[in-house]
PDB file of all heavy atoms in Angstrom:
ATOM      1  N   VAL A   1       6.759   3.754   0.293  1.00  0.00           N
ATOM      2  CA  VAL A   1       6.699   2.392   0.805  1.00  0.00           C
ATOM      3  C   VAL A   1       5.480   2.295   1.714  1.00  0.00           C
ATOM      4  O   VAL A   1       5.404   2.975   2.737  1.00  0.00           O
ATOM      5  CB  VAL A   1       7.989   2.025   1.585  1.00  0.00           C
ATOM      6  CG1 VAL A   1       7.868   0.632   2.172  1.00  0.00           C
ATOM      7  CG2 VAL A   1       9.207   2.157   0.696  1.00  0.00           C
ATOM      8  N   ASN A   2       4.518   1.468   1.315  1.00  0.00           N
ATOM      9  CA  ASN A   2       3.305   1.227   2.101  1.00  0.00           C
ATOM     10  C   ASN A   2       3.481  -0.075   2.858  1.00  0.00           C
ATOM     11  O   ASN A   2       3.316  -1.149   2.296  1.00  0.00           O
ATOM     12  CB  ASN A   2       2.084   1.129   1.174  1.00  0.00           C
ATOM     13  CG  ASN A   2       1.713   2.452   0.576  1.00  0.00           C
ATOM     14  OD1 ASN A   2       1.658   3.455   1.266  1.00  0.00           O
ATOM     15  ND2 ASN A   2       1.466   2.466  -0.723  1.00  0.00           N
ATOM     16  N   TYR A   3       3.846   0.024   4.138  1.00  0.00           N
ATOM     17  CA  TYR A   3       4.051  -1.183   4.928  1.00  0.00           C
ATOM     18  C   TYR A   3       2.840  -1.434   5.813  1.00  0.00           C
ATOM     19  O   TYR A   3       2.849  -1.231   7.017  1.00  0.00           O
ATOM     20  CB  TYR A   3       5.337  -1.089   5.756  1.00  0.00           C
ATOM     21  CG  TYR A   3       5.862  -2.455   6.116  1.00  0.00           C
ATOM     22  CD1 TYR A   3       6.578  -3.193   5.195  1.00  0.00           C
ATOM     23  CD2 TYR A   3       5.609  -3.011   7.356  1.00  0.00           C
ATOM     24  CE1 TYR A   3       7.036  -4.462   5.498  1.00  0.00           C
ATOM     25  CE2 TYR A   3       6.072  -4.280   7.669  1.00  0.00           C
ATOM     26  CZ  TYR A   3       6.785  -5.000   6.739  1.00  0.00           C
ATOM     27  OH  TYR A   3       7.224  -6.259   7.034  1.00  0.00           O
ATOM     28  N   PHE A   4       1.752  -1.821   5.157  1.00  0.00           N
ATOM     29  CA  PHE A   4       0.533  -2.189   5.864  1.00  0.00           C
ATOM     30  C   PHE A   4      -0.288  -3.098   4.966  1.00  0.00           C
ATOM     31  O   PHE A   4      -0.210  -3.027   3.746  1.00  0.00           O
ATOM     32  CB  PHE A   4      -0.289  -0.958   6.266  1.00  0.00           C
ATOM     33  CG  PHE A   4      -0.798  -0.138   5.112  1.00  0.00           C
ATOM     34  CD1 PHE A   4      -2.016  -0.407   4.536  1.00  0.00           C
ATOM     35  CD2 PHE A   4      -0.054   0.915   4.619  1.00  0.00           C
ATOM     36  CE1 PHE A   4      -2.502   0.358   3.478  1.00  0.00           C
ATOM     37  CE2 PHE A   4      -0.519   1.687   3.567  1.00  0.00           C
ATOM     38  CZ  PHE A   4      -1.745   1.413   2.994  1.00  0.00           C
ATOM     39  N   SER A   5      -1.056  -3.961   5.607  1.00  0.00           N
ATOM     40  CA  SER A   5      -1.933  -4.850   4.850  1.00  0.00           C
ATOM     41  C   SER A   5      -3.380  -4.747   5.308  1.00  0.00           C
ATOM     42  O   SER A   5      -4.269  -5.281   4.659  1.00  0.00           O
ATOM     43  CB  SER A   5      -1.459  -6.301   4.955  1.00  0.00           C
ATOM     44  OG  SER A   5      -1.425  -6.707   6.304  1.00  0.00           O
ATOM     45  N   GLU A   6      -3.608  -4.031   6.406  1.00  0.00           N
ATOM     46  CA  GLU A   6      -4.967  -3.915   6.905  1.00  0.00           C
ATOM     47  C   GLU A   6      -5.821  -3.057   5.976  1.00  0.00           C
ATOM     48  O   GLU A   6      -5.319  -2.185   5.280  1.00  0.00           O
ATOM     49  CB  GLU A   6      -5.019  -3.380   8.341  1.00  0.00           C
ATOM     50  CG  GLU A   6      -4.339  -2.049   8.551  1.00  0.00           C
ATOM     51  CD  GLU A   6      -2.958  -2.183   9.147  1.00  0.00           C
ATOM     52  OE1 GLU A   6      -2.123  -2.886   8.558  1.00  0.00           O
ATOM     53  OE2 GLU A   6      -2.714  -1.572  10.179  1.00  0.00           O
ATOM     54  N   ASN A   7      -7.097  -3.346   5.971  1.00  0.00           N
ATOM     55  CA  ASN A   7      -8.047  -2.635   5.127  1.00  0.00           C
ATOM     56  C   ASN A   7      -8.562  -1.430   5.911  1.00  0.00           C
ATOM     57  O   ASN A   7      -9.629  -1.466   6.489  1.00  0.00           O
ATOM     58  CB  ASN A   7      -9.186  -3.574   4.718  1.00  0.00           C
ATOM     59  CG  ASN A   7     -10.016  -2.998   3.605  1.00  0.00           C
ATOM     60  OD1 ASN A   7      -9.591  -2.090   2.904  1.00  0.00           O
ATOM     61  ND2 ASN A   7     -11.210  -3.512   3.454  1.00  0.00           N
ATOM     62  N   ASN A   8      -7.780  -0.343   5.909  1.00  0.00           N
ATOM     63  CA  ASN A   8      -8.078   0.844   6.698  1.00  0.00           C
ATOM     64  C   ASN A   8      -8.187   2.031   5.748  1.00  0.00           C
ATOM     65  O   ASN A   8      -7.230   2.359   5.038  1.00  0.00           O
ATOM     66  CB  ASN A   8      -6.951   1.039   7.718  1.00  0.00           C
ATOM     67  CG  ASN A   8      -7.142   2.250   8.571  1.00  0.00           C
ATOM     68  OD1 ASN A   8      -7.155   3.370   8.081  1.00  0.00           O
ATOM     69  ND2 ASN A   8      -7.270   2.035   9.861  1.00  0.00           N
ATOM     70  N   LEU A   9      -9.336   2.692   5.732  1.00  0.00           N
ATOM     71  CA  LEU A   9      -9.567   3.793   4.794  1.00  0.00           C
ATOM     72  C   LEU A   9      -8.610   4.964   4.989  1.00  0.00           C
ATOM     73  O   LEU A   9      -8.159   5.569   4.018  1.00  0.00           O
ATOM     74  CB  LEU A   9     -11.015   4.276   4.900  1.00  0.00           C
ATOM     75  CG  LEU A   9     -12.072   3.338   4.347  1.00  0.00           C
ATOM     76  CD1 LEU A   9     -13.472   3.871   4.650  1.00  0.00           C
ATOM     77  CD2 LEU A   9     -11.891   3.135   2.854  1.00  0.00           C
ATOM     78  N   ALA A  10      -8.294   5.311   6.227  1.00  0.00           N
ATOM     79  CA  ALA A  10      -7.383   6.434   6.482  1.00  0.00           C
ATOM     80  C   ALA A  10      -5.989   6.128   5.926  1.00  0.00           C
ATOM     81  O   ALA A  10      -5.369   6.976   5.270  1.00  0.00           O
ATOM     82  CB  ALA A  10      -7.306   6.734   7.977  1.00  0.00           C
ATOM     83  N   LEU A  11      -5.493   4.923   6.161  1.00  0.00           N
ATOM     84  CA  LEU A  11      -4.196   4.507   5.611  1.00  0.00           C
ATOM     85  C   LEU A  11      -4.214   4.536   4.084  1.00  0.00           C
ATOM     86  O   LEU A  11      -3.284   5.031   3.445  1.00  0.00           O
ATOM     87  CB  LEU A  11      -3.869   3.082   6.061  1.00  0.00           C
ATOM     88  CG  LEU A  11      -3.071   2.912   7.331  1.00  0.00           C
ATOM     89  CD1 LEU A  11      -3.099   1.456   7.772  1.00  0.00           C
ATOM     90  CD2 LEU A  11      -1.660   3.378   7.167  1.00  0.00           C
ATOM     91  N   GLN A  12      -5.263   4.012   3.513  1.00  0.00           N
ATOM     92  CA  GLN A  12      -5.367   3.961   2.058  1.00  0.00           C
ATOM     93  C   GLN A  12      -5.424   5.363   1.457  1.00  0.00           C
ATOM     94  O   GLN A  12      -4.794   5.633   0.434  1.00  0.00           O
ATOM     95  CB  GLN A  12      -6.596   3.164   1.643  1.00  0.00           C
ATOM     96  CG  GLN A  12      -6.488   1.694   1.964  1.00  0.00           C
ATOM     97  CD  GLN A  12      -7.781   0.947   1.673  1.00  0.00           C
ATOM     98  OE1 GLN A  12      -8.608   1.399   0.905  1.00  0.00           O
ATOM     99  NE2 GLN A  12      -7.942  -0.203   2.302  1.00  0.00           N
ATOM    100  N   LEU A  13      -6.140   6.277   2.108  1.00  0.00           N
ATOM    101  CA  LEU A  13      -6.243   7.642   1.595  1.00  0.00           C
ATOM    102  C   LEU A  13      -4.906   8.366   1.683  1.00  0.00           C
ATOM    103  O   LEU A  13      -4.516   9.074   0.751  1.00  0.00           O
ATOM    104  CB  LEU A  13      -7.337   8.426   2.325  1.00  0.00           C
ATOM    105  CG  LEU A  13      -7.566   9.854   1.833  1.00  0.00           C
ATOM    106  CD1 LEU A  13      -7.863   9.893   0.329  1.00  0.00           C
ATOM    107  CD2 LEU A  13      -8.703  10.517   2.617  1.00  0.00           C
ATOM    108  N   VAL A  14      -4.180   8.182   2.756  1.00  0.00           N
ATOM    109  CA  VAL A  14      -2.851   8.798   2.864  1.00  0.00           C
ATOM    110  C   VAL A  14      -1.944   8.246   1.772  1.00  0.00           C
ATOM    111  O   VAL A  14      -1.235   8.994   1.099  1.00  0.00           O
ATOM    112  CB  VAL A  14      -2.238   8.573   4.271  1.00  0.00           C
ATOM    113  CG1 VAL A  14      -0.762   8.946   4.298  1.00  0.00           C
ATOM    114  CG2 VAL A  14      -3.003   9.390   5.298  1.00  0.00           C
ATOM    115  N   SER A  15      -1.980   6.947   1.557  1.00  0.00           N
ATOM    116  CA  SER A  15      -1.174   6.337   0.503  1.00  0.00           C
ATOM    117  C   SER A  15      -1.547   6.892  -0.872  1.00  0.00           C
ATOM    118  O   SER A  15      -0.693   7.275  -1.660  1.00  0.00           O
ATOM    119  CB  SER A  15      -1.355   4.820   0.519  1.00  0.00           C
ATOM    120  OG  SER A  15      -0.738   4.250  -0.609  1.00  0.00           O
ATOM    121  N   ALA A  16      -2.830   6.930  -1.158  1.00  0.00           N
ATOM    122  CA  ALA A  16      -3.290   7.408  -2.466  1.00  0.00           C
ATOM    123  C   ALA A  16      -3.012   8.894  -2.658  1.00  0.00           C
ATOM    124  O   ALA A  16      -2.804   9.351  -3.779  1.00  0.00           O
ATOM    125  CB  ALA A  16      -4.785   7.129  -2.618  1.00  0.00           C
ATOM    126  N   SER A  17      -2.962   9.660  -1.573  1.00  0.00           N
ATOM    127  CA  SER A  17      -2.748  11.104  -1.651  1.00  0.00           C
ATOM    128  C   SER A  17      -1.283  11.489  -1.719  1.00  0.00           C
ATOM    129  O   SER A  17      -0.956  12.638  -2.026  1.00  0.00           O
ATOM    130  CB  SER A  17      -3.390  11.793  -0.440  1.00  0.00           C
ATOM    131  OG  SER A  17      -4.774  11.529  -0.408  1.00  0.00           O
ATOM    132  N   THR A  18      -0.391  10.577  -1.399  1.00  0.00           N
ATOM    133  CA  THR A  18       1.041  10.862  -1.424  1.00  0.00           C
ATOM    134  C   THR A  18       1.542  10.851  -2.860  1.00  0.00           C
ATOM    135  O   THR A  18       1.336   9.891  -3.586  1.00  0.00           O
ATOM    136  CB  THR A  18       1.813   9.822  -0.592  1.00  0.00           C
ATOM    137  OG1 THR A  18       1.295   9.819   0.740  1.00  0.00           O
ATOM    138  CG2 THR A  18       3.295  10.146  -0.535  1.00  0.00           C
ATOM    139  N   GLU A  19       2.200  11.945  -3.256  1.00  0.00           N
ATOM    140  CA  GLU A  19       2.766  12.042  -4.602  1.00  0.00           C
ATOM    141  C   GLU A  19       4.110  11.319  -4.626  1.00  0.00           C
ATOM    142  O   GLU A  19       5.047  11.716  -3.942  1.00  0.00           O
ATOM    143  CB  GLU A  19       2.957  13.507  -5.008  1.00  0.00           C
ATOM    144  CG  GLU A  19       1.662  14.263  -5.200  1.00  0.00           C
ATOM    145  CD  GLU A  19       0.820  13.724  -6.351  1.00  0.00           C
ATOM    146  OE1 GLU A  19       1.398  13.277  -7.361  1.00  0.00           O
ATOM    147  OE2 GLU A  19      -0.414  13.765  -6.237  1.00  0.00           O
ATOM    148  N   ALA A  20       4.176  10.251  -5.395  1.00  0.00           N
ATOM    149  CA  ALA A  20       5.413   9.475  -5.516  1.00  0.00           C
ATOM    150  C   ALA A  20       5.497   8.893  -6.917  1.00  0.00           C
ATOM    151  O   ALA A  20       4.482   8.513  -7.502  1.00  0.00           O
ATOM    152  CB  ALA A  20       5.441   8.360  -4.477  1.00  0.00           C
ATOM    153  N   LYS A  21       6.714   8.825  -7.417  1.00  0.00           N
ATOM    154  CA  LYS A  21       6.922   8.256  -8.752  1.00  0.00           C
ATOM    155  C   LYS A  21       6.643   6.754  -8.750  1.00  0.00           C
ATOM    156  O   LYS A  21       6.133   6.215  -9.718  1.00  0.00           O
ATOM    157  CB  LYS A  21       8.345   8.528  -9.222  1.00  0.00           C
ATOM    158  CG  LYS A  21       8.593   9.999  -9.468  1.00  0.00           C
ATOM    159  CD  LYS A  21      10.020  10.261  -9.833  1.00  0.00           C
ATOM    160  CE  LYS A  21      10.215  11.760  -9.989  1.00  0.00           C
ATOM    161  NZ  LYS A  21      11.609  12.126  -9.946  1.00  0.00           N
ATOM    162  N   LEU A  22       6.998   6.083  -7.661  1.00  0.00           N
ATOM    163  CA  LEU A  22       6.795   4.647  -7.541  1.00  0.00           C
ATOM    164  C   LEU A  22       6.221   4.350  -6.160  1.00  0.00           C
ATOM    165  O   LEU A  22       6.728   4.836  -5.150  1.00  0.00           O
ATOM    166  CB  LEU A  22       8.121   3.897  -7.727  1.00  0.00           C
ATOM    167  CG  LEU A  22       8.080   2.377  -7.625  1.00  0.00           C
ATOM    168  CD1 LEU A  22       7.269   1.783  -8.783  1.00  0.00           C
ATOM    169  CD2 LEU A  22       9.485   1.803  -7.623  1.00  0.00           C
ATOM    170  N   LYS A  23       5.162   3.537  -6.132  1.00  0.00           N
ATOM    171  CA  LYS A  23       4.539   3.132  -4.872  1.00  0.00           C
ATOM    172  C   LYS A  23       4.649   1.615  -4.760  1.00  0.00           C
ATOM    173  O   LYS A  23       4.197   0.889  -5.631  1.00  0.00           O
ATOM    174  CB  LYS A  23       3.067   3.558  -4.829  1.00  0.00           C
ATOM    175  CG  LYS A  23       2.889   5.072  -4.833  1.00  0.00           C
ATOM    176  CD  LYS A  23       1.443   5.470  -4.710  1.00  0.00           C
ATOM    177  CE  LYS A  23       1.307   6.986  -4.701  1.00  0.00           C
ATOM    178  NZ  LYS A  23      -0.071   7.409  -4.405  1.00  0.00           N
ATOM    179  N   VAL A  24       5.284   1.181  -3.663  1.00  0.00           N
ATOM    180  CA  VAL A  24       5.504  -0.244  -3.430  1.00  0.00           C
ATOM    181  C   VAL A  24       4.991  -0.575  -2.039  1.00  0.00           C
ATOM    182  O   VAL A  24       5.192   0.195  -1.097  1.00  0.00           O
ATOM    183  CB  VAL A  24       7.004  -0.605  -3.532  1.00  0.00           C
ATOM    184  CG1 VAL A  24       7.217  -2.082  -3.281  1.00  0.00           C
ATOM    185  CG2 VAL A  24       7.575  -0.198  -4.879  1.00  0.00           C
ATOM    186  N   GLY A  25       4.345  -1.722  -1.917  1.00  0.00           N
ATOM    187  CA  GLY A  25       3.831  -2.086  -0.609  1.00  0.00           C
ATOM    188  C   GLY A  25       3.600  -3.561  -0.452  1.00  0.00           C
ATOM    189  O   GLY A  25       3.801  -4.355  -1.372  1.00  0.00           O
ATOM    190  N   VAL A  26       3.161  -3.906   0.746  1.00  0.00           N
ATOM    191  CA  VAL A  26       2.782  -5.269   1.077  1.00  0.00           C
ATOM    192  C   VAL A  26       1.490  -5.562   0.317  1.00  0.00           C
ATOM    193  O   VAL A  26       0.650  -4.686   0.131  1.00  0.00           O
ATOM    194  CB  VAL A  26       2.577  -5.400   2.601  1.00  0.00           C
ATOM    195  CG1 VAL A  26       2.090  -6.777   2.974  1.00  0.00           C
ATOM    196  CG2 VAL A  26       3.858  -5.057   3.342  1.00  0.00           C
ATOM    197  N   ALA A  27       1.329  -6.807  -0.135  1.00  0.00           N
ATOM    198  CA  ALA A  27       0.117  -7.201  -0.854  1.00  0.00           C
ATOM    199  C   ALA A  27      -1.116  -6.767  -0.067  1.00  0.00           C
ATOM    200  O   ALA A  27      -1.196  -6.953   1.142  1.00  0.00           O
ATOM    201  CB  ALA A  27       0.110  -8.706  -1.085  1.00  0.00           C
ATOM    202  N   HIS A  28      -2.055  -6.172  -0.780  1.00  0.00           N
ATOM    203  CA  HIS A  28      -3.194  -5.539  -0.144  1.00  0.00           C
ATOM    204  C   HIS A  28      -4.462  -5.817  -0.929  1.00  0.00           C
ATOM    205  O   HIS A  28      -4.430  -6.054  -2.129  1.00  0.00           O
ATOM    206  CB  HIS A  28      -2.929  -4.024  -0.079  1.00  0.00           C
ATOM    207  CG  HIS A  28      -3.857  -3.294   0.807  1.00  0.00           C
ATOM    208  ND1 HIS A  28      -5.062  -2.811   0.370  1.00  0.00           N
ATOM    209  CD2 HIS A  28      -3.772  -2.958   2.111  1.00  0.00           C
ATOM    210  CE1 HIS A  28      -5.673  -2.213   1.373  1.00  0.00           C
ATOM    211  NE2 HIS A  28      -4.912  -2.293   2.439  1.00  0.00           N
ATOM    212  N   GLU A  29      -5.583  -5.746  -0.241  1.00  0.00           N
ATOM    213  CA  GLU A  29      -6.887  -5.956  -0.871  1.00  0.00           C
ATOM    214  C   GLU A  29      -7.172  -4.920  -1.965  1.00  0.00           C
ATOM    215  O   GLU A  29      -7.728  -5.232  -3.000  1.00  0.00           O
ATOM    216  CB  GLU A  29      -7.961  -5.865   0.229  1.00  0.00           C
ATOM    217  CG  GLU A  29      -9.325  -6.287  -0.212  1.00  0.00           C
ATOM    218  CD  GLU A  29     -10.298  -6.276   0.962  1.00  0.00           C
ATOM    219  OE1 GLU A  29     -10.031  -6.986   1.950  1.00  0.00           O
ATOM    220  OE2 GLU A  29     -11.301  -5.554   0.862  1.00  0.00           O
ATOM    221  N   GLU A  30      -6.780  -3.655  -1.733  1.00  0.00           N
ATOM    222  CA  GLU A  30      -6.971  -2.586  -2.714  1.00  0.00           C
ATOM    223  C   GLU A  30      -5.759  -2.566  -3.642  1.00  0.00           C
ATOM    224  O   GLU A  30      -4.711  -2.025  -3.326  1.00  0.00           O
ATOM    225  CB  GLU A  30      -7.142  -1.230  -2.012  1.00  0.00           C
ATOM    226  CG  GLU A  30      -7.242  -0.033  -2.939  1.00  0.00           C
ATOM    227  CD  GLU A  30      -8.321  -0.154  -4.001  1.00  0.00           C
ATOM    228  OE1 GLU A  30      -9.506  -0.015  -3.664  1.00  0.00           O
ATOM    229  OE2 GLU A  30      -7.978  -0.386  -5.171  1.00  0.00           O
ATOM    230  N   LYS A  31      -5.897  -3.189  -4.787  1.00  0.00           N
ATOM    231  CA  LYS A  31      -4.783  -3.394  -5.723  1.00  0.00           C
ATOM    232  C   LYS A  31      -4.315  -2.114  -6.401  1.00  0.00           C
ATOM    233  O   LYS A  31      -3.218  -2.067  -6.943  1.00  0.00           O
ATOM    234  CB  LYS A  31      -5.169  -4.422  -6.803  1.00  0.00           C
ATOM    235  CG  LYS A  31      -5.530  -5.782  -6.246  1.00  0.00           C
ATOM    236  CD  LYS A  31      -4.357  -6.404  -5.554  1.00  0.00           C
ATOM    237  CE  LYS A  31      -4.683  -7.775  -5.009  1.00  0.00           C
ATOM    238  NZ  LYS A  31      -3.789  -8.206  -3.974  1.00  0.00           N
ATOM    239  N   ARG A  32      -5.104  -1.042  -6.385  1.00  0.00           N
ATOM    240  CA  ARG A  32      -4.716   0.196  -7.067  1.00  0.00           C
ATOM    241  C   ARG A  32      -3.788   1.087  -6.244  1.00  0.00           C
ATOM    242  O   ARG A  32      -3.273   2.073  -6.747  1.00  0.00           O
ATOM    243  CB  ARG A  32      -5.968   0.983  -7.455  1.00  0.00           C
ATOM    244  CG  ARG A  32      -6.881   0.216  -8.409  1.00  0.00           C
ATOM    245  CD  ARG A  32      -8.168   0.966  -8.652  1.00  0.00           C
ATOM    246  NE  ARG A  32      -8.950   1.013  -7.412  1.00  0.00           N
ATOM    247  CZ  ARG A  32     -10.069   1.713  -7.249  1.00  0.00           C
ATOM    248  NH1 ARG A  32     -10.545   2.430  -8.234  1.00  0.00           N
ATOM    249  NH2 ARG A  32     -10.722   1.685  -6.110  1.00  0.00           N
ATOM    250  N   LEU A  33      -3.538   0.737  -4.999  1.00  0.00           N
ATOM    251  CA  LEU A  33      -2.688   1.567  -4.143  1.00  0.00           C
ATOM    252  C   LEU A  33      -1.220   1.536  -4.558  1.00  0.00           C
ATOM    253  O   LEU A  33      -0.534   2.546  -4.495  1.00  0.00           O
ATOM    254  CB  LEU A  33      -2.762   1.104  -2.687  1.00  0.00           C
ATOM    255  CG  LEU A  33      -3.966   1.505  -1.876  1.00  0.00           C
ATOM    256  CD1 LEU A  33      -3.866   0.921  -0.486  1.00  0.00           C
ATOM    257  CD2 LEU A  33      -4.126   3.006  -1.820  1.00  0.00           C
ATOM    258  N   ASN A  34      -0.742   0.374  -4.947  1.00  0.00           N
ATOM    259  CA  ASN A  34       0.685   0.182  -5.212  1.00  0.00           C
ATOM    260  C   ASN A  34       0.948  -0.151  -6.667  1.00  0.00           C
ATOM    261  O   ASN A  34       0.161  -0.838  -7.309  1.00  0.00           O
ATOM    262  CB  ASN A  34       1.234  -0.957  -4.335  1.00  0.00           C
ATOM    263  CG  ASN A  34       1.082  -0.671  -2.863  1.00  0.00           C
ATOM    264  OD1 ASN A  34       1.498   0.372  -2.382  1.00  0.00           O
ATOM    265  ND2 ASN A  34       0.463  -1.583  -2.141  1.00  0.00           N
ATOM    266  N   ASP A  35       2.095   0.305  -7.155  1.00  0.00           N
ATOM    267  CA  ASP A  35       2.557  -0.088  -8.485  1.00  0.00           C
ATOM    268  C   ASP A  35       3.120  -1.508  -8.424  1.00  0.00           C
ATOM    269  O   ASP A  35       3.005  -2.268  -9.380  1.00  0.00           O
ATOM    270  CB  ASP A  35       3.631   0.880  -8.993  1.00  0.00           C
ATOM    271  CG  ASP A  35       3.101   2.301  -9.086  1.00  0.00           C
ATOM    272  OD1 ASP A  35       1.985   2.493  -9.620  1.00  0.00           O
ATOM    273  OD2 ASP A  35       3.788   3.230  -8.617  1.00  0.00           O
ATOM    274  N   ILE A  36       3.747  -1.825  -7.296  1.00  0.00           N
ATOM    275  CA  ILE A  36       4.326  -3.154  -7.080  1.00  0.00           C
ATOM    276  C   ILE A  36       3.898  -3.632  -5.691  1.00  0.00           C
ATOM    277  O   ILE A  36       3.995  -2.877  -4.718  1.00  0.00           O
ATOM    278  CB  ILE A  36       5.872  -3.128  -7.146  1.00  0.00           C
ATOM    279  CG1 ILE A  36       6.344  -2.666  -8.520  1.00  0.00           C
ATOM    280  CG2 ILE A  36       6.460  -4.492  -6.798  1.00  0.00           C
ATOM    281  CD1 ILE A  36       7.842  -2.416  -8.598  1.00  0.00           C
ATOM    282  N   GLU A  37       3.450  -4.875  -5.611  1.00  0.00           N
ATOM    283  CA  GLU A  37       3.109  -5.474  -4.326  1.00  0.00           C
ATOM    284  C   GLU A  37       4.055  -6.626  -4.044  1.00  0.00           C
ATOM    285  O   GLU A  37       4.347  -7.423  -4.934  1.00  0.00           O
ATOM    286  CB  GLU A  37       1.675  -6.004  -4.334  1.00  0.00           C
ATOM    287  CG  GLU A  37       0.625  -4.943  -4.308  1.00  0.00           C
ATOM    288  CD  GLU A  37      -0.775  -5.497  -4.111  1.00  0.00           C
ATOM    289  OE1 GLU A  37      -1.017  -6.676  -4.444  1.00  0.00           O
ATOM    290  OE2 GLU A  37      -1.620  -4.745  -3.626  1.00  0.00           O
ATOM    291  N   ILE A  38       4.523  -6.682  -2.804  1.00  0.00           N
ATOM    292  CA  ILE A  38       5.415  -7.756  -2.379  1.00  0.00           C
ATOM    293  C   ILE A  38       4.669  -8.573  -1.327  1.00  0.00           C
ATOM    294  O   ILE A  38       4.187  -8.033  -0.336  1.00  0.00           O
ATOM    295  CB  ILE A  38       6.732  -7.181  -1.809  1.00  0.00           C
ATOM    296  CG1 ILE A  38       7.440  -6.356  -2.891  1.00  0.00           C
ATOM    297  CG2 ILE A  38       7.622  -8.296  -1.282  1.00  0.00           C
ATOM    298  CD1 ILE A  38       8.637  -5.575  -2.399  1.00  0.00           C
ATOM    299  N   VAL A  39       4.573  -9.865  -1.563  1.00  0.00           N
ATOM    300  CA  VAL A  39       3.827 -10.740  -0.658  1.00  0.00           C
ATOM    301  C   VAL A  39       4.762 -11.233   0.446  1.00  0.00           C
ATOM    302  O   VAL A  39       5.642 -12.061   0.206  1.00  0.00           O
ATOM    303  CB  VAL A  39       3.216 -11.942  -1.426  1.00  0.00           C
ATOM    304  CG1 VAL A  39       2.430 -12.842  -0.484  1.00  0.00           C
ATOM    305  CG2 VAL A  39       2.344 -11.457  -2.563  1.00  0.00           C
ATOM    306  N   VAL A  40       4.575 -10.679   1.638  1.00  0.00           N
ATOM    307  CA  VAL A  40       5.333 -11.085   2.825  1.00  0.00           C
ATOM    308  C   VAL A  40       4.413 -10.986   4.037  1.00  0.00           C
ATOM    309  O   VAL A  40       3.408 -10.296   4.005  1.00  0.00           O
ATOM    310  CB  VAL A  40       6.587 -10.204   3.066  1.00  0.00           C
ATOM    311  CG1 VAL A  40       7.624 -10.374   1.995  1.00  0.00           C
ATOM    312  CG2 VAL A  40       6.220  -8.754   3.246  1.00  0.00           C
ATOM    313  N   LYS A  41       4.828 -11.662   5.107  1.00  0.00           N
ATOM    314  CA  LYS A  41       4.133 -11.499   6.383  1.00  0.00           C
ATOM    315  C   LYS A  41       4.668 -10.231   7.032  1.00  0.00           C
ATOM    316  O   LYS A  41       5.801  -9.821   6.775  1.00  0.00           O
ATOM    317  CB  LYS A  41       4.390 -12.707   7.280  1.00  0.00           C
ATOM    318  CG  LYS A  41       3.804 -13.978   6.725  1.00  0.00           C
ATOM    319  CD  LYS A  41       4.143 -15.165   7.591  1.00  0.00           C
ATOM    320  CE  LYS A  41       3.577 -16.421   6.949  1.00  0.00           C
ATOM    321  NZ  LYS A  41       4.157 -17.626   7.494  1.00  0.00           N
ATOM    322  N   LYS A  42       3.860  -9.606   7.900  1.00  0.00           N
ATOM    323  CA  LYS A  42       4.246  -8.325   8.485  1.00  0.00           C
ATOM    324  C   LYS A  42       5.566  -8.378   9.258  1.00  0.00           C
ATOM    325  O   LYS A  42       6.284  -7.401   9.332  1.00  0.00           O
ATOM    326  CB  LYS A  42       3.139  -7.766   9.356  1.00  0.00           C
ATOM    327  CG  LYS A  42       2.798  -8.614  10.544  1.00  0.00           C
ATOM    328  CD  LYS A  42       1.631  -8.040  11.301  1.00  0.00           C
ATOM    329  CE  LYS A  42       1.179  -9.010  12.368  1.00  0.00           C
ATOM    330  NZ  LYS A  42      -0.057  -8.630  12.968  1.00  0.00           N
ATOM    331  N   GLU A  43       5.910  -9.533   9.802  1.00  0.00           N
ATOM    332  CA  GLU A  43       7.152  -9.640  10.565  1.00  0.00           C
ATOM    333  C   GLU A  43       8.377  -9.900   9.676  1.00  0.00           C
ATOM    334  O   GLU A  43       9.495  -9.977  10.165  1.00  0.00           O
ATOM    335  CB  GLU A  43       7.037 -10.707  11.655  1.00  0.00           C
ATOM    336  CG  GLU A  43       6.709 -12.093  11.174  1.00  0.00           C
ATOM    337  CD  GLU A  43       5.215 -12.367  10.990  1.00  0.00           C
ATOM    338  OE1 GLU A  43       4.378 -11.523  11.313  1.00  0.00           O
ATOM    339  OE2 GLU A  43       4.908 -13.464  10.492  1.00  0.00           O
TER     340      GLU A  43
END
């Protein structure tokens, strides 16, 4: 679960480096990070 939307390289690299069968997160500028994106506000 990637619960971030900021464009931060360190966050993106940790996400991309994590081995997971399914990656889901908040809608993000880098579309390749998540298999599924959910559009919500951070709160």
